[in-house]
Protein backbone atom coordinates (compact mmCIF):
# COMPACT_ATOMS: atom_id res chain seq x y z
CA MET A 1 -0.11 -0.08 -0.24
CA SER A 2 1.42 3.56 -0.90
CA ASN A 3 1.70 6.25 1.40
CA ARG A 4 -0.96 8.00 -0.10
CA ASP A 5 -3.57 4.96 -0.04
CA ARG A 6 -2.91 4.90 4.03
CA ILE A 7 -3.16 8.15 4.67
CA LEU A 8 -6.39 8.35 2.83
CA GLN A 9 -7.52 5.27 4.51
CA LEU A 10 -6.50 6.73 7.68
CA ILE A 11 -8.65 9.81 6.61
CA ASP A 12 -11.45 7.78 5.57
CA GLY A 13 -11.79 6.42 9.39
CA VAL A 14 -11.92 10.32 10.95
CA PRO A 15 -15.41 11.46 11.96
CA ASP A 16 -16.25 14.72 9.72
CA THR A 17 -16.56 16.29 12.90
CA LYS A 18 -12.90 16.06 13.46
CA LEU A 19 -11.88 16.86 9.87
CA SER A 20 -11.01 20.04 10.28
CA PHE A 21 -8.41 18.67 12.51
CA VAL A 22 -6.83 16.77 9.98
CA VAL A 23 -6.66 19.87 7.56
CA LYS A 24 -4.88 21.91 10.17
CA VAL A 25 -2.29 18.87 10.56
CA ILE A 26 -1.60 18.62 6.90
CA GLU A 27 -1.52 22.64 6.27
CA SER A 28 1.11 22.72 9.25
CA LEU A 29 2.94 19.60 7.47
CA GLN A 30 2.98 21.54 4.50
CA ALA A 31 4.00 24.67 5.64
CA TYR A 32 6.83 23.28 7.89
CA ALA A 33 7.75 21.46 4.79
CA GLY A 34 7.99 24.53 2.57
CA GLU A 35 6.75 22.60 -0.23
CA GLU A 36 3.40 22.90 -2.12
CA LEU A 37 1.40 19.38 -1.46
CA ASN A 38 -1.02 20.05 -3.88
CA GLY A 39 -0.64 19.71 -7.68
CA ASN A 40 0.87 16.92 -9.73
CA HIS A 41 3.22 14.22 -8.31
CA SER A 42 3.57 11.91 -11.30
CA PRO A 43 7.05 11.59 -12.64
CA ASN A 44 7.83 13.06 -16.02
CA GLN A 45 9.55 11.10 -18.48
CA ASP A 46 12.97 11.67 -17.17
CA THR A 47 12.43 10.39 -13.85
CA ILE A 48 10.32 6.97 -15.46
CA ASP A 49 13.46 6.57 -17.54
CA ALA A 50 15.55 6.95 -14.58
CA ILE A 51 13.39 4.53 -12.14
CA ASN A 52 13.47 1.81 -15.07
CA GLU A 53 17.42 2.01 -15.84
CA VAL A 54 18.20 1.57 -12.17
CA ALA A 55 15.68 -0.91 -12.27
CA ASN A 56 16.98 -3.03 -15.21
CA MET A 57 20.47 -2.42 -13.48
CA GLN A 58 19.21 -4.23 -10.22
CA ALA A 59 17.67 -7.15 -12.26
CA THR A 60 20.51 -7.90 -14.61
CA GLY A 61 23.79 -6.28 -12.68
CA LYS A 62 25.03 -4.55 -15.53
CA GLY A 63 25.17 -0.54 -16.04
CA GLN A 64 27.92 1.83 -14.47
CA HIS A 65 27.99 1.52 -10.58
CA PHE A 66 30.15 4.10 -8.64
CA LYS A 67 32.18 3.03 -5.44
CA GLY A 68 33.67 6.20 -3.76
CA ALA A 69 32.26 9.17 -1.25
CA THR A 70 29.48 11.55 -2.46
CA ASN A 71 31.71 14.42 -2.97
CA ASP A 72 34.11 12.34 -5.48
CA PHE A 73 30.98 11.54 -7.29
CA LEU A 74 29.52 14.83 -7.60
CA GLU A 75 33.35 16.22 -8.88
CA MET A 76 33.57 13.34 -11.33
CA MET A 77 29.70 14.58 -12.91
CA MET A 78 30.58 18.45 -12.66
CA ASN A 79 33.53 17.39 -14.58
CA ASP A 80 31.94 14.97 -17.28
């Protein structure tokens, strides 16, 4: 079950008289995260391609793998 499905399931169990509290909590989370919680959360094609590439690498054991420090990886990426 996805997080979205789980939260919707939990909200379905909240009585209508208490939903205003849920709204306030979610609005507070939105403000705390500094992010817009509404909108389109569907991945774009580049993201889908990247997810598929990683899944293929995991399934086949093939592909480019990096071992080392994050700083070294970022430096390598910046120099490409």
